C-alpha cells in the first residue's frame, strides 16, 4: 500500500488537468471499471484517512467531469450509488464527509448513474 496514495494522487492530477483530453484517458468503459474497482474491490473503510480522502476526491472529480464515461445504458441498477454507499459507510472524518456529501449531491442530480 506504500504506492497507493501516490497512484490515487496521480489519477486525481490527471483528472484535474482541464487541457487533457478525457477521451484519451478513458476508453471502452475504463472509467466505470476504474471507479467500480476502487469502490468495491477494496475495503475503503479500512484505508488511512489520506487514502480514503483520495478515493473520494477521485470519485468526485470523475462524477463532475467524466459523467459520460461512467454511464452504462444497458444497466438498470444504480451501480455507482450502491458502490459509493458501501465505500462511505461508517465514515467519520469530517474532511472525508464533506467530499462524500458533494458526491451524494452529484448522484442525486444525475439519476442515470
PDB file of N, CA and C in Angstrom:
ATOM      1  N   UNK A   1       0.804  -1.200   0.000  1.00  0.00           N
ATOM      2  CA  UNK A   1       0.000   0.000   0.000  1.00  0.00           C
ATOM      3  C   UNK A   1       0.851   1.270   0.000  1.00  0.00           C
ATOM      4  N   UNK A   2       2.157   1.102  -0.003  1.00  0.00           N
ATOM      5  CA  UNK A   2       3.032   2.268   0.055  1.00  0.00           C
ATOM      6  C   UNK A   2       2.845   3.191  -1.146  1.00  0.00           C
ATOM      7  N   UNK A   3       2.604   2.625  -2.301  1.00  0.00           N
ATOM      8  CA  UNK A   3       2.470   3.452  -3.507  1.00  0.00           C
ATOM      9  C   UNK A   3       1.020   3.806  -3.823  1.00  0.00           C
ATOM     10  N   UNK A   4       0.067   3.308  -3.045  1.00  0.00           N
ATOM     11  CA  UNK A   4      -1.348   3.546  -3.357  1.00  0.00           C
ATOM     12  C   UNK A   4      -1.696   5.030  -3.311  1.00  0.00           C
ATOM     13  N   UNK A   5      -1.201   5.735  -2.304  1.00  0.00           N
ATOM     14  CA  UNK A   5      -1.525   7.159  -2.193  1.00  0.00           C
ATOM     15  C   UNK A   5      -0.967   7.935  -3.381  1.00  0.00           C
ATOM     16  N   UNK A   6       0.241   7.600  -3.797  1.00  0.00           N
ATOM     17  CA  UNK A   6       0.829   8.275  -4.963  1.00  0.00           C
ATOM     18  C   UNK A   6       0.020   7.983  -6.225  1.00  0.00           C
ATOM     19  N   UNK A   7      -0.464   6.758  -6.374  1.00  0.00           N
ATOM     20  CA  UNK A   7      -1.289   6.403  -7.537  1.00  0.00           C
ATOM     21  C   UNK A   7      -2.600   7.176  -7.537  1.00  0.00           C
ATOM     22  N   UNK A   8      -3.260   7.236  -6.377  1.00  0.00           N
ATOM     23  CA  UNK A   8      -4.519   7.985  -6.269  1.00  0.00           C
ATOM     24  C   UNK A   8      -4.292   9.456  -6.586  1.00  0.00           C
ATOM     25  N   UNK A   9      -3.220  10.018  -6.052  1.00  0.00           N
ATOM     26  CA  UNK A   9      -2.921  11.433  -6.323  1.00  0.00           C
ATOM     27  C   UNK A   9      -2.595  11.655  -7.799  1.00  0.00           C
ATOM     28  N   UNK A  10      -1.937  10.695  -8.429  1.00  0.00           N
ATOM     29  CA  UNK A  10      -1.633  10.805  -9.853  1.00  0.00           C
ATOM     30  C   UNK A  10      -2.890  10.786 -10.704  1.00  0.00           C
ATOM     31  N   UNK A  11      -3.820   9.898 -10.375  1.00  0.00           N
ATOM     32  CA  UNK A  11      -5.091   9.838 -11.098  1.00  0.00           C
ATOM     33  C   UNK A  11      -5.848  11.146 -10.920  1.00  0.00           C
ATOM     34  N   UNK A  12      -5.875  11.655  -9.688  1.00  0.00           N
ATOM     35  CA  UNK A  12      -6.565  12.926  -9.427  1.00  0.00           C
ATOM     36  C   UNK A  12      -5.927  14.064 -10.213  1.00  0.00           C
ATOM     37  N   UNK A  13      -4.601  14.092 -10.280  1.00  0.00           N
ATOM     38  CA  UNK A  13      -3.911  15.153 -11.025  1.00  0.00           C
ATOM     39  C   UNK A  13      -4.241  15.078 -12.512  1.00  0.00           C
ATOM     40  N   UNK A  14      -4.272  13.862 -13.075  1.00  0.00           N
ATOM     41  CA  UNK A  14      -4.648  13.714 -14.487  1.00  0.00           C
ATOM     42  C   UNK A  14      -6.070  14.202 -14.734  1.00  0.00           C
ATOM     43  N   UNK A  15      -6.962  13.863 -13.817  1.00  0.00           N
ATOM     44  CA  UNK A  15      -8.359  14.257 -13.983  1.00  0.00           C
ATOM     45  C   UNK A  15      -8.565  15.760 -13.840  1.00  0.00           C
ATOM     46  N   UNK A  16      -7.756  16.401 -13.017  1.00  0.00           N
ATOM     47  CA  UNK A  16      -7.906  17.839 -12.783  1.00  0.00           C
ATOM     48  C   UNK A  16      -7.380  18.678 -13.941  1.00  0.00           C
ATOM     49  N   UNK A  17      -6.519  18.110 -14.776  1.00  0.00           N
ATOM     50  CA  UNK A  17      -5.969  18.860 -15.908  1.00  0.00           C
ATOM     51  C   UNK A  17      -7.060  19.097 -16.930  1.00  0.00           C
ATOM     52  N   UNK A  18      -7.494  20.326 -17.050  1.00  0.00           N
ATOM     53  CA  UNK A  18      -8.572  20.663 -17.988  1.00  0.00           C
ATOM     54  C   UNK A  18      -8.110  20.544 -19.438  1.00  0.00           C
ATOM     55  N   UNK A  19      -6.816  20.713 -19.693  1.00  0.00           N
ATOM     56  CA  UNK A  19      -6.332  20.656 -21.072  1.00  0.00           C
ATOM     57  C   UNK A  19      -6.176  19.223 -21.562  1.00  0.00           C
ATOM     58  N   UNK A  20      -6.194  18.259 -20.653  1.00  0.00           N
ATOM     59  CA  UNK A  20      -6.010  16.861 -21.032  1.00  0.00           C
ATOM     60  C   UNK A  20      -7.325  16.295 -21.557  1.00  0.00           C
ATOM     61  N   UNK A  21      -7.252  15.594 -22.648  1.00  0.00           N
ATOM     62  CA  UNK A  21      -8.451  15.024 -23.257  1.00  0.00           C
ATOM     63  C   UNK A  21      -8.938  13.821 -22.454  1.00  0.00           C
ATOM     64  N   UNK A  22     -10.155  13.878 -21.974  1.00  0.00           N
ATOM     65  CA  UNK A  22     -10.737  12.764 -21.219  1.00  0.00           C
ATOM     66  C   UNK A  22     -10.896  11.540 -22.122  1.00  0.00           C
ATOM     67  N   UNK A  23     -11.105  11.779 -23.429  1.00  0.00           N
ATOM     68  CA  UNK A  23     -11.261  10.661 -24.350  1.00  0.00           C
ATOM     69  C   UNK A  23      -9.986   9.839 -24.431  1.00  0.00           C
ATOM     70  N   UNK A  24      -8.833  10.503 -24.300  1.00  0.00           N
ATOM     71  CA  UNK A  24      -7.562   9.790 -24.366  1.00  0.00           C
ATOM     72  C   UNK A  24      -7.326   8.983 -23.089  1.00  0.00           C
ATOM     73  N   UNK A  25      -7.869   9.450 -21.990  1.00  0.00           N
ATOM     74  CA  UNK A  25      -7.657   8.776 -20.714  1.00  0.00           C
ATOM     75  C   UNK A  25      -8.643   7.638 -20.498  1.00  0.00           C
ATOM     76  N   UNK A  26      -9.901   7.837 -20.887  1.00  0.00           N
ATOM     77  CA  UNK A  26     -10.937   6.838 -20.641  1.00  0.00           C
ATOM     78  C   UNK A  26     -11.521   6.347 -21.953  1.00  0.00           C
ATOM     79  N   UNK A  27     -11.369   5.058 -22.195  1.00  0.00           N
ATOM     80  CA  UNK A  27     -11.952   4.460 -23.378  1.00  0.00           C
ATOM     81  C   UNK A  27     -12.611   3.143 -22.998  1.00  0.00           C
ATOM     82  N   UNK A  28     -13.654   2.785 -23.715  1.00  0.00           N
ATOM     83  CA  UNK A  28     -14.314   1.486 -23.576  1.00  0.00           C
ATOM     84  C   UNK A  28     -14.664   1.119 -22.139  1.00  0.00           C
ATOM     85  N   UNK A  29     -15.266   2.029 -21.432  1.00  0.00           N
ATOM     86  CA  UNK A  29     -15.737   1.727 -20.090  1.00  0.00           C
ATOM     87  C   UNK A  29     -14.658   1.702 -19.034  1.00  0.00           C
ATOM     88  N   UNK A  30     -13.457   2.201 -19.348  1.00  0.00           N
ATOM     89  CA  UNK A  30     -12.376   2.179 -18.368  1.00  0.00           C
ATOM     90  C   UNK A  30     -12.705   3.002 -17.134  1.00  0.00           C
ATOM     91  N   UNK A  31     -13.358   4.143 -17.317  1.00  0.00           N
ATOM     92  CA  UNK A  31     -13.706   4.991 -16.167  1.00  0.00           C
ATOM     93  C   UNK A  31     -14.625   4.247 -15.209  1.00  0.00           C
ATOM     94  N   UNK A  32     -15.612   3.579 -15.767  1.00  0.00           N
ATOM     95  CA  UNK A  32     -16.548   2.810 -14.944  1.00  0.00           C
ATOM     96  C   UNK A  32     -15.824   1.671 -14.230  1.00  0.00           C
ATOM     97  N   UNK A  33     -14.969   0.969 -14.945  1.00  0.00           N
ATOM     98  CA  UNK A  33     -14.218  -0.139 -14.361  1.00  0.00           C
ATOM     99  C   UNK A  33     -13.296   0.346 -13.252  1.00  0.00           C
ATOM    100  N   UNK A  34     -12.608   1.464 -13.494  1.00  0.00           N
ATOM    101  CA  UNK A  34     -11.702   2.023 -12.500  1.00  0.00           C
ATOM    102  C   UNK A  34     -12.444   2.412 -11.234  1.00  0.00           C
ATOM    103  N   UNK A  35     -13.506   3.189 -11.385  1.00  0.00           N
ATOM    104  CA  UNK A  35     -14.240   3.663 -10.217  1.00  0.00           C
ATOM    105  C   UNK A  35     -14.939   2.520  -9.492  1.00  0.00           C
ATOM    106  N   UNK A  36     -15.521   1.616 -10.230  1.00  0.00           N
ATOM    107  CA  UNK A  36     -16.180   0.471  -9.624  1.00  0.00           C
ATOM    108  C   UNK A  36     -15.171  -0.392  -8.860  1.00  0.00           C
ATOM    109  N   UNK A  37     -14.005  -0.592  -9.445  1.00  0.00           N
ATOM    110  CA  UNK A  37     -12.973  -1.378  -8.785  1.00  0.00           C
ATOM    111  C   UNK A  37     -12.474  -0.750  -7.506  1.00  0.00           C
ATOM    112  N   UNK A  38     -12.235   0.551  -7.552  1.00  0.00           N
ATOM    113  CA  UNK A  38     -11.741   1.247  -6.359  1.00  0.00           C
ATOM    114  C   UNK A  38     -12.777   1.209  -5.243  1.00  0.00           C
ATOM    115  N   UNK A  39     -14.047   1.403  -5.587  1.00  0.00           N
ATOM    116  CA  UNK A  39     -15.082   1.479  -4.556  1.00  0.00           C
ATOM    117  C   UNK A  39     -15.528   0.115  -4.036  1.00  0.00           C
ATOM    118  N   UNK A  40     -15.417  -0.923  -4.851  1.00  0.00           N
ATOM    119  CA  UNK A  40     -15.969  -2.218  -4.433  1.00  0.00           C
ATOM    120  C   UNK A  40     -14.932  -3.293  -4.145  1.00  0.00           C
ATOM    121  N   UNK A  41     -13.800  -3.263  -4.799  1.00  0.00           N
ATOM    122  CA  UNK A  41     -12.809  -4.331  -4.632  1.00  0.00           C
ATOM    123  C   UNK A  41     -11.923  -4.135  -3.404  1.00  0.00           C
ATOM    124  N   UNK A  42     -11.932  -2.949  -2.847  1.00  0.00           N
ATOM    125  CA  UNK A  42     -11.119  -2.647  -1.671  1.00  0.00           C
ATOM    126  C   UNK A  42     -12.039  -2.190  -0.547  1.00  0.00           C
ATOM    127  N   UNK A  43     -11.678  -2.530   0.656  1.00  0.00           N
ATOM    128  CA  UNK A  43     -12.465  -2.075   1.801  1.00  0.00           C
ATOM    129  C   UNK A  43     -12.029  -0.647   2.135  1.00  0.00           C
ATOM    130  N   UNK A  44     -12.698   0.317   1.540  1.00  0.00           N
ATOM    131  CA  UNK A  44     -12.324   1.722   1.676  1.00  0.00           C
ATOM    132  C   UNK A  44     -12.344   2.145   3.145  1.00  0.00           C
ATOM    133  N   UNK A  45     -13.238   1.592   3.920  1.00  0.00           N
ATOM    134  CA  UNK A  45     -13.359   1.962   5.336  1.00  0.00           C
ATOM    135  C   UNK A  45     -12.084   1.687   6.124  1.00  0.00           C
ATOM    136  N   UNK A  46     -11.304   0.700   5.709  1.00  0.00           N
ATOM    137  CA  UNK A  46     -10.106   0.318   6.443  1.00  0.00           C
ATOM    138  C   UNK A  46      -8.850   1.029   5.959  1.00  0.00           C
ATOM    139  N   UNK A  47      -8.959   1.861   4.931  1.00  0.00           N
ATOM    140  CA  UNK A  47      -7.814   2.616   4.439  1.00  0.00           C
ATOM    141  C   UNK A  47      -7.507   3.778   5.377  1.00  0.00           C
ATOM    142  N   UNK A  48      -6.311   4.324   5.248  1.00  0.00           N
ATOM    143  CA  UNK A  48      -5.957   5.502   6.049  1.00  0.00           C
ATOM    144  C   UNK A  48      -6.797   6.690   5.602  1.00  0.00           C
ATOM    145  N   UNK A  49      -6.814   7.727   6.413  1.00  0.00           N
ATOM    146  CA  UNK A  49      -7.605   8.911   6.087  1.00  0.00           C
ATOM    147  C   UNK A  49      -7.141   9.519   4.769  1.00  0.00           C
ATOM    148  N   UNK A  50      -5.841   9.556   4.543  1.00  0.00           N
ATOM    149  CA  UNK A  50      -5.313  10.147   3.308  1.00  0.00           C
ATOM    150  C   UNK A  50      -5.777   9.359   2.082  1.00  0.00           C
ATOM    151  N   UNK A  51      -5.762   8.037   2.175  1.00  0.00           N
ATOM    152  CA  UNK A  51      -6.219   7.219   1.047  1.00  0.00           C
ATOM    153  C   UNK A  51      -7.723   7.345   0.840  1.00  0.00           C
ATOM    154  N   UNK A  52      -8.489   7.325   1.927  1.00  0.00           N
ATOM    155  CA  UNK A  52      -9.944   7.489   1.792  1.00  0.00           C
ATOM    156  C   UNK A  52     -10.261   8.831   1.159  1.00  0.00           C
ATOM    157  N   UNK A  53      -9.595   9.862   1.611  1.00  0.00           N
ATOM    158  CA  UNK A  53      -9.813  11.192   1.053  1.00  0.00           C
ATOM    159  C   UNK A  53      -9.481  11.213  -0.439  1.00  0.00           C
ATOM    160  N   UNK A  54      -8.391  10.558  -0.816  1.00  0.00           N
ATOM    161  CA  UNK A  54      -8.015  10.489  -2.227  1.00  0.00           C
ATOM    162  C   UNK A  54      -9.030   9.740  -3.066  1.00  0.00           C
ATOM    163  N   UNK A  55      -9.507   8.625  -2.543  1.00  0.00           N
ATOM    164  CA  UNK A  55     -10.523   7.836  -3.261  1.00  0.00           C
ATOM    165  C   UNK A  55     -11.787   8.659  -3.468  1.00  0.00           C
ATOM    166  N   UNK A  56     -12.231   9.342  -2.420  1.00  0.00           N
ATOM    167  CA  UNK A  56     -13.447  10.142  -2.536  1.00  0.00           C
ATOM    168  C   UNK A  56     -13.242  11.340  -3.452  1.00  0.00           C
ATOM    169  N   UNK A  57     -12.043  11.921  -3.443  1.00  0.00           N
ATOM    170  CA  UNK A  57     -11.764  13.060  -4.326  1.00  0.00           C
ATOM    171  C   UNK A  57     -11.766  12.617  -5.790  1.00  0.00           C
ATOM    172  N   UNK A  58     -11.148  11.469  -6.086  1.00  0.00           N
ATOM    173  CA  UNK A  58     -11.162  10.948  -7.452  1.00  0.00           C
ATOM    174  C   UNK A  58     -12.601  10.660  -7.884  1.00  0.00           C
ATOM    175  N   UNK A  59     -13.392  10.105  -6.978  1.00  0.00           N
ATOM    176  CA  UNK A  59     -14.799   9.834  -7.282  1.00  0.00           C
ATOM    177  C   UNK A  59     -15.533  11.128  -7.616  1.00  0.00           C
ATOM    178  N   UNK A  60     -15.307  12.161  -6.822  1.00  0.00           N
ATOM    179  CA  UNK A  60     -15.981  13.440  -7.064  1.00  0.00           C
ATOM    180  C   UNK A  60     -15.555  14.041  -8.405  1.00  0.00           C
ATOM    181  N   UNK A  61     -14.270  14.022  -8.694  1.00  0.00           N
ATOM    182  CA  UNK A  61     -13.785  14.586  -9.955  1.00  0.00           C
ATOM    183  C   UNK A  61     -14.367  13.830 -11.144  1.00  0.00           C
ATOM    184  N   UNK A  62     -14.376  12.495 -11.052  1.00  0.00           N
ATOM    185  CA  UNK A  62     -14.914  11.700 -12.161  1.00  0.00           C
ATOM    186  C   UNK A  62     -16.400  11.938 -12.342  1.00  0.00           C
ATOM    187  N   UNK A  63     -17.120  12.106 -11.262  1.00  0.00           N
ATOM    188  CA  UNK A  63     -18.563  12.337 -11.380  1.00  0.00           C
ATOM    189  C   UNK A  63     -18.865  13.737 -11.883  1.00  0.00           C
ATOM    190  N   UNK A  64     -17.947  14.660 -11.703  1.00  0.00           N
ATOM    191  CA  UNK A  64     -18.149  16.029 -12.178  1.00  0.00           C
ATOM    192  C   UNK A  64     -17.763  16.166 -13.644  1.00  0.00           C
ATOM    193  N   UNK A  65     -16.610  15.616 -14.010  1.00  0.00           N
ATOM    194  CA  UNK A  65     -16.053  15.853 -15.345  1.00  0.00           C
ATOM    195  C   UNK A  65     -16.195  14.693 -16.324  1.00  0.00           C
ATOM    196  N   UNK A  66     -16.467  13.499 -15.829  1.00  0.00           N
ATOM    197  CA  UNK A  66     -16.441  12.313 -16.698  1.00  0.00           C
ATOM    198  C   UNK A  66     -17.741  11.526 -16.656  1.00  0.00           C
ATOM    199  N   UNK A  67     -18.864  12.206 -16.472  1.00  0.00           N
ATOM    200  CA  UNK A  67     -20.150  11.517 -16.315  1.00  0.00           C
ATOM    201  C   UNK A  67     -20.463  10.644 -17.521  1.00  0.00           C
ATOM    202  N   UNK A  68     -20.179  11.128 -18.722  1.00  0.00           N
ATOM    203  CA  UNK A  68     -20.499  10.355 -19.928  1.00  0.00           C
ATOM    204  C   UNK A  68     -19.764   9.024 -19.951  1.00  0.00           C
ATOM    205  N   UNK A  69     -18.576   8.967 -19.369  1.00  0.00           N
ATOM    206  CA  UNK A  69     -17.796   7.736 -19.371  1.00  0.00           C
ATOM    207  C   UNK A  69     -18.255   6.762 -18.284  1.00  0.00           C
ATOM    208  N   UNK A  70     -19.007   7.254 -17.304  1.00  0.00           N
ATOM    209  CA  UNK A  70     -19.459   6.405 -16.202  1.00  0.00           C
ATOM    210  C   UNK A  70     -20.811   5.768 -16.485  1.00  0.00           C
ATOM    211  N   UNK A  71     -21.546   6.307 -17.445  1.00  0.00           N
ATOM    212  CA  UNK A  71     -22.892   5.810 -17.719  1.00  0.00           C
ATOM    213  C   UNK A  71     -22.833   4.488 -18.474  1.00  0.00           C
ATOM    214  N   UNK A  72     -23.777   3.643 -18.172  1.00  0.00           N
ATOM    215  CA  UNK A  72     -23.891   2.364 -18.871  1.00  0.00           C
ATOM    216  C   UNK A  72     -25.354   2.194 -19.243  1.00  0.00           C
ATOM    217  N   UNK A  73     -25.656   2.372 -20.509  1.00  0.00           N
ATOM    218  CA  UNK A  73     -27.039   2.336 -20.956  1.00  0.00           C
ATOM    219  C   UNK A  73     -27.727   0.996 -20.750  1.00  0.00           C
ATOM    220  N   UNK A  74     -26.955  -0.087 -20.645  1.00  0.00           N
ATOM    221  CA  UNK A  74     -27.567  -1.402 -20.502  1.00  0.00           C
ATOM    222  C   UNK A  74     -27.906  -1.740 -19.054  1.00  0.00           C
ATOM    223  N   UNK A  75     -27.318  -1.030 -18.127  1.00  0.00           N
ATOM    224  CA  UNK A  75     -27.541  -1.353 -16.709  1.00  0.00           C
ATOM    225  C   UNK A  75     -28.733  -0.575 -16.177  1.00  0.00           C
ATOM    226  N   UNK A  76     -29.624  -1.274 -15.528  1.00  0.00           N
ATOM    227  CA  UNK A  76     -30.789  -0.606 -14.965  1.00  0.00           C
ATOM    228  C   UNK A  76     -30.603  -0.306 -13.488  1.00  0.00           C
ATOM    229  N   UNK A  77     -29.566  -0.898 -12.897  1.00  0.00           N
ATOM    230  CA  UNK A  77     -29.348  -0.651 -11.475  1.00  0.00           C
ATOM    231  C   UNK A  77     -28.523   0.610 -11.275  1.00  0.00           C
ATOM    232  N   UNK A  78     -28.515   1.086 -10.090  1.00  0.00           N
ATOM    233  CA  UNK A  78     -27.740   2.280  -9.755  1.00  0.00           C
ATOM    234  C   UNK A  78     -26.407   1.823  -9.168  1.00  0.00           C
ATOM    235  N   UNK A  79     -25.530   1.326 -10.017  1.00  0.00           N
ATOM    236  CA  UNK A  79     -24.278   0.720  -9.568  1.00  0.00           C
ATOM    237  C   UNK A  79     -23.410   1.687  -8.781  1.00  0.00           C
ATOM    238  N   UNK A  80     -23.322   2.935  -9.228  1.00  0.00           N
ATOM    239  CA  UNK A  80     -22.431   3.880  -8.572  1.00  0.00           C
ATOM    240  C   UNK A  80     -22.952   4.272  -7.193  1.00  0.00           C
ATOM    241  N   UNK A  81     -24.243   4.510  -7.084  1.00  0.00           N
ATOM    242  CA  UNK A  81     -24.818   4.860  -5.781  1.00  0.00           C
ATOM    243  C   UNK A  81     -24.609   3.732  -4.786  1.00  0.00           C
ATOM    244  N   UNK A  82     -24.801   2.511  -5.236  1.00  0.00           N
ATOM    245  CA  UNK A  82     -24.628   1.353  -4.365  1.00  0.00           C
ATOM    246  C   UNK A  82     -23.168   1.177  -3.953  1.00  0.00           C
ATOM    247  N   UNK A  83     -22.258   1.276  -4.904  1.00  0.00           N
ATOM    248  CA  UNK A  83     -20.832   1.124  -4.605  1.00  0.00           C
ATOM    249  C   UNK A  83     -20.346   2.226  -3.686  1.00  0.00           C
ATOM    250  N   UNK A  84     -20.785   3.455  -3.947  1.00  0.00           N
ATOM    251  CA  UNK A  84     -20.353   4.579  -3.118  1.00  0.00           C
ATOM    252  C   UNK A  84     -20.917   4.473  -1.709  1.00  0.00           C
ATOM    253  N   UNK A  85     -22.171   4.057  -1.572  1.00  0.00           N
ATOM    254  CA  UNK A  85     -22.766   3.915  -0.239  1.00  0.00           C
ATOM    255  C   UNK A  85     -21.982   2.909   0.595  1.00  0.00           C
ATOM    256  N   UNK A  86     -21.552   1.825  -0.019  1.00  0.00           N
ATOM    257  CA  UNK A  86     -20.748   0.846   0.699  1.00  0.00           C
ATOM    258  C   UNK A  86     -19.392   1.392   1.086  1.00  0.00           C
ATOM    259  N   UNK A  87     -18.793   2.206   0.210  1.00  0.00           N
ATOM    260  CA  UNK A  87     -17.470   2.757   0.488  1.00  0.00           C
ATOM    261  C   UNK A  87     -17.495   3.811   1.588  1.00  0.00           C
ATOM    262  N   UNK A  88     -18.556   4.600   1.638  1.00  0.00           N
ATOM    263  CA  UNK A  88     -18.590   5.672   2.646  1.00  0.00           C
ATOM    264  C   UNK A  88     -19.249   5.243   3.953  1.00  0.00           C
ATOM    265  N   UNK A  89     -19.781   4.029   3.989  1.00  0.00           N
ATOM    266  CA  UNK A  89     -20.444   3.528   5.182  1.00  0.00           C
ATOM    267  C   UNK A  89     -19.491   3.572   6.382  1.00  0.00           C
ATOM    268  N   UNK A  90     -19.897   4.245   7.430  1.00  0.00           N
ATOM    269  CA  UNK A  90     -19.095   4.333   8.643  1.00  0.00           C
ATOM    270  C   UNK A  90     -18.068   5.446   8.653  1.00  0.00           C
ATOM    271  N   UNK A  91     -18.019   6.263   7.609  1.00  0.00           N
ATOM    272  CA  UNK A  91     -17.043   7.354   7.549  1.00  0.00           C
ATOM    273  C   UNK A  91     -17.316   8.362   8.665  1.00  0.00           C
ATOM    274  N   UNK A  92     -16.263   8.742   9.386  1.00  0.00           N
ATOM    275  CA  UNK A  92     -16.420   9.680  10.496  1.00  0.00           C
ATOM    276  C   UNK A  92     -15.567  10.936  10.349  1.00  0.00           C
ATOM    277  N   UNK A  93     -14.573  10.895   9.487  1.00  0.00           N
ATOM    278  CA  UNK A  93     -13.676  12.034   9.339  1.00  0.00           C
ATOM    279  C   UNK A  93     -14.411  13.182   8.649  1.00  0.00           C
ATOM    280  N   UNK A  94     -14.439  14.363   9.267  1.00  0.00           N
ATOM    281  CA  UNK A  94     -15.191  15.492   8.687  1.00  0.00           C
ATOM    282  C   UNK A  94     -14.704  15.907   7.302  1.00  0.00           C
ATOM    283  N   UNK A  95     -13.394  15.795   7.048  1.00  0.00           N
ATOM    284  CA  UNK A  95     -12.863  16.176   5.729  1.00  0.00           C
ATOM    285  C   UNK A  95     -13.390  15.238   4.653  1.00  0.00           C
ATOM    286  N   UNK A  96     -13.422  13.958   4.961  1.00  0.00           N
ATOM    287  CA  UNK A  96     -13.950  12.981   4.006  1.00  0.00           C
ATOM    288  C   UNK A  96     -15.458  13.129   3.863  1.00  0.00           C
ATOM    289  N   UNK A  97     -16.139  13.416   4.970  1.00  0.00           N
ATOM    290  CA  UNK A  97     -17.598  13.562   4.917  1.00  0.00           C
ATOM    291  C   UNK A  97     -18.027  14.718   4.026  1.00  0.00           C
ATOM    292  N   UNK A  98     -17.264  15.810   4.028  1.00  0.00           N
ATOM    293  CA  UNK A  98     -17.601  16.935   3.149  1.00  0.00           C
ATOM    294  C   UNK A  98     -17.540  16.522   1.679  1.00  0.00           C
ATOM    295  N   UNK A  99     -16.505  15.773   1.326  1.00  0.00           N
ATOM    296  CA  UNK A  99     -16.392  15.293  -0.054  1.00  0.00           C
ATOM    297  C   UNK A  99     -17.515  14.307  -0.353  1.00  0.00           C
ATOM    298  N   UNK A 100     -17.816  13.430   0.609  1.00  0.00           N
ATOM    299  CA  UNK A 100     -18.888  12.445   0.424  1.00  0.00           C
ATOM    300  C   UNK A 100     -20.237  13.120   0.200  1.00  0.00           C
ATOM    301  N   UNK A 101     -20.506  14.180   0.927  1.00  0.00           N
ATOM    302  CA  UNK A 101     -21.778  14.895   0.751  1.00  0.00           C
ATOM    303  C   UNK A 101     -21.858  15.538  -0.630  1.00  0.00           C
ATOM    304  N   UNK A 102     -20.724  16.025  -1.144  1.00  0.00           N
ATOM    305  CA  UNK A 102     -20.699  16.542  -2.516  1.00  0.00           C
ATOM    306  C   UNK A 102     -21.028  15.432  -3.518  1.00  0.00           C
ATOM    307  N   UNK A 103     -20.488  14.243  -3.283  1.00  0.00           N
ATOM    308  CA  UNK A 103     -20.737  13.115  -4.185  1.00  0.00           C
ATOM    309  C   UNK A 103     -22.204  12.702  -4.139  1.00  0.00           C
ATOM    310  N   UNK A 104     -22.789  12.677  -2.939  1.00  0.00           N
ATOM    311  CA  UNK A 104     -24.216  12.339  -2.817  1.00  0.00           C
ATOM    312  C   UNK A 104     -25.059  13.337  -3.609  1.00  0.00           C
ATOM    313  N   UNK A 105     -24.707  14.606  -3.528  1.00  0.00           N
ATOM    314  CA  UNK A 105     -25.419  15.634  -4.291  1.00  0.00           C
ATOM    315  C   UNK A 105     -25.311  15.364  -5.789  1.00  0.00           C
ATOM    316  N   UNK A 106     -24.116  14.998  -6.255  1.00  0.00           N
ATOM    317  CA  UNK A 106     -23.929  14.702  -7.677  1.00  0.00           C
ATOM    318  C   UNK A 106     -24.737  13.478  -8.101  1.00  0.00           C
ATOM    319  N   UNK A 107     -24.790  12.465  -7.254  1.00  0.00           N
ATOM    320  CA  UNK A 107     -25.586  11.261  -7.567  1.00  0.00           C
ATOM    321  C   UNK A 107     -27.057  11.616  -7.666  1.00  0.00           C
ATOM    322  N   UNK A 108     -27.544  12.436  -6.749  1.00  0.00           N
ATOM    323  CA  UNK A 108     -28.957  12.810  -6.756  1.00  0.00           C
ATOM    324  C   UNK A 108     -29.324  13.677  -7.954  1.00  0.00           C
ATOM    325  N   UNK A 109     -28.368  14.477  -8.426  1.00  0.00           N
ATOM    326  CA  UNK A 109     -28.623  15.337  -9.582  1.00  0.00           C
ATOM    327  C   UNK A 109     -28.577  14.582 -10.911  1.00  0.00           C
ATOM    328  N   UNK A 110     -27.934  13.412 -10.929  1.00  0.00           N
ATOM    329  CA  UNK A 110     -27.791  12.657 -12.172  1.00  0.00           C
ATOM    330  C   UNK A 110     -28.324  11.236 -11.959  1.00  0.00           C
ATOM    331  N   UNK A 111     -29.620  11.015 -12.173  1.00  0.00           N
ATOM    332  CA  UNK A 111     -30.212   9.711 -11.901  1.00  0.00           C
ATOM    333  C   UNK A 111     -29.745   8.602 -12.837  1.00  0.00           C
ATOM    334  N   UNK A 112     -29.048   8.931 -13.906  1.00  0.00           N
ATOM    335  CA  UNK A 112     -28.550   7.916 -14.832  1.00  0.00           C
ATOM    336  C   UNK A 112     -27.490   7.054 -14.169  1.00  0.00           C
ATOM    337  N   UNK A 113     -26.770   7.631 -13.220  1.00  0.00           N
ATOM    338  CA  UNK A 113     -25.723   6.893 -12.535  1.00  0.00           C
ATOM    339  C   UNK A 113     -26.317   5.961 -11.513  1.00  0.00           C
TER     340      UNK A 113
END
